[in-house]
Amino acid sequence: KNEREFDQYLYDNDDFLVVVAAGNKGPELNTVGSPATSKNVISVGASENSPPHISGNMKGKDHLARFSSRGPTQDDRTKPDIVAPGIFIESAASRTGTGECGIDGLHFLAGTSMAAPVVSGAAAIVRQYFREGYYPSGKKNAADELD
């Protein structure tokens, strides 16, 4: 039901883009959860990345993080649609939360919920590029702006 609601909303509002985390139930197949299985959302998995001083057994940015959920969906569609860095992501920390918090109020997190904002930000930049008329010349041109 949840997937259908997302799909209907996006069908009715074709100017919207919804980006969702695929989930952290990997490495097994068929583990992408709702609403990431919706047909009209961008489902985001997590790729491996690590600071230069930490190598461990990580394979690098071209590999899916072990915890990242994987497809296919029940109707055999490929999900996630895209992956982005999802390990060692520096994030704001709540001083009242249960996690460790550094002096500067930041800590490192991992998960597809850390990867999804990377994709959201990139999508916003691409949208702005087209809407403000930078395509196809790379220079802002009012005649090329999209509504």
Foldseek 3Di string as FASTA:
>chain_A
DQLVVVQVVCVVVVVDAAEDEQFQQDDDEQRRDPPQLRPRYQYEFAAEDDPPVDDPPHPHRVGGDGRTYFYDHPVRHGPNPYYFHFFQDKDAADPPDPDDADPVRIDGGGGSVSGRVVVVVVVVVVLCCQQQQCPPVNDGDNVRHDD
